[in-house]
Amino acid sequence: MDIVDVVFDTFVGDYAWAKLLPARPATYKVPSATNASAAQAFSIEPSPAAHMSAGPGLWHNIIQFPFFLLFTDFFVYMIHRGLHHQLVYKTLHKPHHKWIMPTPYASHAFHPLDGFEQSIPYHVFPFLLPLQKVSYVALFVLVNLWTILIHDGEYVANNPSFNGAACHTLHHYFNYNHGQYTTLWDRLGGSYRRPNAELFREDQKMSGREWNKQVQEMGQMIVEVEGKDDRTYDPAGAKKNA
């Protein structure tokens, strides 16, 4: 729903309000400064960068993208890792981890406070480094698309630098790989785990042997992170998958 609001406001709302409520001359006169030093110290004229028709220049149009990705990748990692703390995990983040095997639907299945917390870096960044409206919408779409892709179970990218679907699947199994786009902060924070080679082989990634191995390791991690596992499992389904 957020993306619908942003797109509507950008391409429809602004133009509609401009038509309905056109700009009018001010009914008051701003007093002039009494001296040059006061005028230099205080000015009510906004920076040209505040107008959509102007900006810092081409360099800003380019660096806003890598800066946005680095900033949000770091702070989402910190928030996400904090959500795995024993004090808050069961209440806030465990609803997302009910999907032990991630699916595209699970990518947006969050506790409301969990989703809000992880969205904070995306809303804070424009206050620190202004983003053009079109750039903000494009990045918003990119973030949602990436979130779906790392939950789709298609293990394509076996690159240790990127937090792809295989890395994030291990995150749902274990307490590793908390990053959003890259594995940089996981490596620095000691929480990186490289995906098993079996996950990239179609004949092995869904085998009973691989699943049993993951279940055993996952069980150990559950006890470590959240205590007793209060989830229920279908014995018949387990036998069928084996």
Protein backbone atom coordinates (compact mmCIF):
# COMPACT_ATOMS: atom_id res chain seq x y z
CA MET A 1 0.00 0.00 0.00
CA ASP A 2 2.89 2.37 0.75
CA ILE A 3 4.22 2.11 -2.79
CA VAL A 4 0.77 2.89 -4.20
CA ASP A 5 0.62 6.04 -2.07
CA VAL A 6 4.09 7.15 -3.15
CA VAL A 7 3.43 6.56 -6.86
CA PHE A 8 0.03 8.27 -6.68
CA ASP A 9 1.46 11.28 -4.86
CA THR A 10 4.35 11.59 -7.31
CA PHE A 11 2.53 11.23 -10.61
CA VAL A 12 -1.05 12.26 -9.79
CA GLY A 13 -1.44 13.98 -6.43
CA ASP A 14 1.07 16.81 -6.97
CA TYR A 15 -0.49 17.78 -10.31
CA ALA A 16 -4.03 17.56 -8.96
CA TRP A 17 -3.27 19.84 -6.00
CA ALA A 18 -1.49 22.31 -8.30
CA LYS A 19 -4.65 22.55 -10.41
CA LEU A 20 -7.08 22.75 -7.51
CA LEU A 21 -4.99 25.09 -5.37
CA PRO A 22 -2.70 27.13 -7.64
CA ALA A 23 0.05 29.18 -6.05
CA ARG A 24 -0.92 32.73 -5.09
CA PRO A 25 1.13 35.80 -4.18
CA ALA A 26 1.81 36.17 -0.45
CA THR A 27 -0.55 38.52 1.37
CA TYR A 28 2.28 39.84 3.53
CA LYS A 29 5.65 41.38 2.91
CA VAL A 30 8.78 39.91 4.38
CA PRO A 31 10.74 42.63 6.19
CA SER A 32 14.12 43.36 4.72
CA ALA A 33 17.30 42.85 6.72
CA THR A 34 18.61 45.91 8.53
CA ASN A 35 22.20 45.19 7.64
CA ALA A 36 24.28 42.96 5.42
CA SER A 37 25.67 40.81 8.24
CA ALA A 38 22.17 39.90 9.42
CA ALA A 39 21.15 38.98 5.88
CA GLN A 40 24.14 36.68 5.61
CA ALA A 41 23.51 35.08 8.99
CA PHE A 42 19.83 34.36 8.42
CA SER A 43 17.88 33.82 5.23
CA ILE A 44 14.42 32.40 4.62
CA GLU A 45 15.21 31.61 1.00
CA PRO A 46 15.48 27.81 0.62
CA SER A 47 18.45 26.20 -1.07
CA PRO A 48 18.06 25.59 -4.83
CA ALA A 49 18.51 21.89 -4.01
CA ALA A 50 15.13 21.99 -2.26
CA HIS A 51 13.35 22.54 -5.59
CA MET A 52 12.59 19.58 -7.84
CA SER A 53 13.70 21.66 -10.84
CA ALA A 54 17.21 22.04 -9.46
CA GLY A 55 19.70 20.02 -7.49
CA PRO A 56 23.34 19.54 -6.57
CA GLY A 57 24.13 18.19 -10.03
CA LEU A 58 24.93 15.01 -11.91
CA TRP A 59 27.29 13.74 -9.19
CA HIS A 60 24.39 13.65 -6.71
CA ASN A 61 22.16 11.81 -9.18
CA ILE A 62 24.79 9.07 -9.32
CA ILE A 63 26.02 8.72 -5.72
CA GLN A 64 22.55 8.77 -4.16
CA PHE A 65 22.04 5.15 -5.22
CA PRO A 66 25.17 3.50 -3.74
CA PHE A 67 24.88 5.69 -0.62
CA PHE A 68 21.27 4.59 -0.14
CA LEU A 69 22.17 0.91 -0.53
CA LEU A 70 25.17 1.08 1.84
CA PHE A 71 23.28 3.09 4.47
CA THR A 72 20.17 0.89 4.50
CA ASP A 73 22.17 -2.34 4.23
CA PHE A 74 24.12 -1.47 7.40
CA PHE A 75 21.20 -0.27 9.52
CA VAL A 76 18.83 -3.02 8.40
CA TYR A 77 21.55 -5.50 9.40
CA MET A 78 21.84 -3.93 12.85
CA ILE A 79 18.07 -3.80 13.40
CA HIS A 80 17.53 -7.30 11.99
CA ARG A 81 20.24 -8.78 14.17
CA GLY A 82 18.76 -7.03 17.19
CA LEU A 83 15.38 -8.58 16.41
CA HIS A 84 16.99 -12.00 16.92
CA HIS A 85 17.79 -11.20 20.54
CA GLN A 86 16.06 -13.52 22.98
CA LEU A 87 14.17 -10.64 24.63
CA VAL A 88 12.26 -9.65 21.48
CA TYR A 89 12.59 -12.52 19.00
CA LYS A 90 9.55 -14.57 20.04
CA THR A 91 7.26 -11.55 20.18
CA LEU A 92 8.34 -9.54 17.15
CA HIS A 93 10.41 -11.52 14.65
CA LYS A 94 9.38 -15.14 15.10
CA PRO A 95 6.12 -14.67 13.12
CA HIS A 96 8.29 -14.11 10.03
CA HIS A 97 10.37 -17.20 10.77
CA LYS A 98 7.33 -19.45 10.88
CA TRP A 99 8.21 -19.94 7.21
CA ILE A 100 11.27 -22.15 7.71
CA MET A 101 11.40 -22.62 3.94
CA PRO A 102 10.93 -19.04 2.62
CA THR A 103 8.39 -18.21 -0.09
CA PRO A 104 7.66 -14.94 -1.93
CA TYR A 105 4.58 -14.52 0.29
CA ALA A 106 6.73 -14.81 3.41
CA SER A 107 8.83 -11.85 2.21
CA HIS A 108 6.16 -9.44 3.45
CA ALA A 109 4.77 -11.51 6.33
CA PHE A 110 5.89 -9.53 9.38
CA HIS A 111 4.66 -8.48 12.76
CA PRO A 112 3.64 -4.78 12.29
CA LEU A 113 6.31 -3.50 14.70
CA ASP A 114 8.92 -5.73 13.07
CA GLY A 115 8.13 -4.31 9.63
CA PHE A 116 8.14 -0.75 10.97
CA GLU A 117 11.50 -1.14 12.68
CA GLN A 118 13.17 -2.54 9.56
CA SER A 119 11.68 0.26 7.44
CA ILE A 120 13.17 3.06 9.58
CA PRO A 121 16.49 3.32 7.65
CA TYR A 122 14.61 3.84 4.37
CA HIS A 123 12.67 6.78 5.82
CA VAL A 124 15.62 8.32 7.69
CA PHE A 125 18.04 8.33 4.75
CA PRO A 126 16.25 11.03 2.66
CA PHE A 127 16.57 13.43 5.61
CA LEU A 128 20.35 12.96 5.59
CA LEU A 129 20.96 12.85 1.84
CA PRO A 130 17.97 14.12 -0.17
CA LEU A 131 16.62 11.80 -2.83
CA GLN A 132 14.78 12.85 -5.95
CA LYS A 133 11.15 11.70 -5.93
CA VAL A 134 11.55 9.43 -8.94
CA SER A 135 14.71 7.94 -7.44
CA TYR A 136 12.90 7.28 -4.15
CA VAL A 137 10.06 5.49 -5.94
CA ALA A 138 12.52 3.46 -8.05
CA LEU A 139 14.48 2.41 -4.97
CA PHE A 140 11.27 1.58 -3.11
CA VAL A 141 10.29 -0.78 -5.95
CA LEU A 142 13.82 -2.24 -6.03
CA VAL A 143 13.80 -2.96 -2.27
CA ASN A 144 10.46 -4.76 -2.49
CA LEU A 145 11.57 -6.75 -5.53
CA TRP A 146 14.83 -7.74 -3.84
CA THR A 147 12.95 -8.81 -0.71
CA ILE A 148 10.77 -11.10 -2.80
CA LEU A 149 13.72 -12.52 -4.72
CA ILE A 150 15.67 -13.55 -1.61
CA HIS A 151 12.61 -15.43 -0.37
CA ASP A 152 11.72 -17.25 -3.60
CA GLY A 153 13.84 -20.37 -3.01
CA GLU A 154 15.58 -20.10 -6.40
CA TYR A 155 19.26 -20.43 -5.57
CA VAL A 156 20.89 -18.80 -8.59
CA ALA A 157 23.66 -16.51 -7.29
CA ASN A 158 26.40 -18.38 -5.45
CA ASN A 159 28.40 -15.23 -4.82
CA PRO A 160 29.83 -14.77 -1.32
CA SER A 161 29.49 -10.98 -1.61
CA PHE A 162 25.71 -10.88 -2.04
CA ASN A 163 22.96 -11.95 0.31
CA GLY A 164 21.04 -13.97 -2.25
CA ALA A 165 18.19 -16.44 -1.83
CA ALA A 166 20.47 -19.25 -0.62
CA CYS A 167 22.04 -17.01 2.05
CA HIS A 168 18.66 -15.87 3.26
CA THR A 169 17.29 -19.41 3.33
CA LEU A 170 20.07 -20.28 5.77
CA HIS A 171 18.97 -17.27 7.78
CA HIS A 172 15.51 -18.79 8.13
CA TYR A 173 17.12 -22.06 9.24
CA PHE A 174 19.75 -20.56 11.49
CA ASN A 175 20.88 -17.40 13.24
CA TYR A 176 23.11 -16.20 10.39
CA ASN A 177 23.08 -13.89 7.35
CA HIS A 178 21.11 -10.92 8.69
CA GLY A 179 22.14 -8.56 5.87
CA GLN A 180 19.80 -7.12 3.26
CA TYR A 181 21.83 -6.85 0.04
CA THR A 182 25.40 -7.86 0.86
CA THR A 183 27.24 -10.13 3.25
CA LEU A 184 29.69 -7.35 4.24
CA TRP A 185 28.23 -6.59 7.65
CA ASP A 186 27.66 -10.27 8.44
CA ARG A 187 31.32 -10.92 7.72
CA LEU A 188 32.43 -8.03 9.91
CA GLY A 189 29.96 -9.02 12.62
CA GLY A 190 30.85 -12.71 12.60
CA SER A 191 27.33 -13.81 11.56
CA TYR A 192 28.05 -14.95 8.00
CA ARG A 193 27.49 -18.53 6.91
CA ARG A 194 28.15 -19.56 3.33
CA PRO A 195 25.35 -21.67 1.79
CA ASN A 196 25.99 -25.38 1.37
CA ALA A 197 27.04 -26.44 -2.11
CA GLU A 198 24.10 -28.89 -2.13
CA LEU A 199 21.62 -26.00 -2.26
CA PHE A 200 22.79 -25.16 -5.79
CA ARG A 201 22.29 -28.71 -7.09
CA GLU A 202 18.73 -29.45 -8.15
CA ASP A 203 19.14 -33.17 -7.46
CA GLN A 204 20.25 -32.59 -3.86
CA LYS A 205 18.70 -29.39 -2.47
CA MET A 206 15.28 -31.02 -1.94
CA SER A 207 16.56 -34.46 -0.94
CA GLY A 208 15.55 -36.03 2.35
CA ARG A 209 19.18 -36.27 3.41
CA GLU A 210 19.74 -32.55 3.00
CA TRP A 211 16.48 -31.67 4.73
CA ASN A 212 17.25 -33.91 7.71
CA LYS A 213 20.67 -32.34 8.03
CA GLN A 214 19.18 -28.82 8.01
CA VAL A 215 16.44 -29.78 10.49
CA GLN A 216 18.96 -31.12 13.00
CA GLU A 217 21.10 -27.99 12.84
CA MET A 218 18.03 -25.76 12.94
CA GLY A 219 16.77 -27.53 16.06
CA GLN A 220 20.02 -26.79 17.87
CA MET A 221 19.82 -23.11 16.87
CA ILE A 222 16.19 -22.81 17.98
CA VAL A 223 17.08 -23.98 21.48
CA GLU A 224 19.97 -21.50 21.57
CA VAL A 225 17.95 -18.49 20.35
CA GLU A 226 14.41 -19.01 21.65
CA GLY A 227 14.46 -21.93 24.04
CA LYS A 228 11.94 -24.72 23.62
CA ASP A 229 10.51 -25.09 20.10
CA ASP A 230 6.75 -24.59 20.48
CA ARG A 231 6.01 -25.17 16.80
CA THR A 232 4.15 -28.33 15.77
CA TYR A 233 5.19 -30.53 12.87
CA ASP A 234 3.17 -32.97 10.79
CA PRO A 235 4.70 -36.47 11.15
CA ALA A 236 2.92 -37.69 8.04
CA GLY A 237 4.27 -34.78 6.01
CA ALA A 238 7.76 -35.35 7.36
CA LYS A 239 7.68 -39.01 6.29
CA LYS A 240 6.39 -38.05 2.85
CA ASN A 241 9.20 -35.52 2.32
CA ALA A 242 11.81 -37.99 3.48
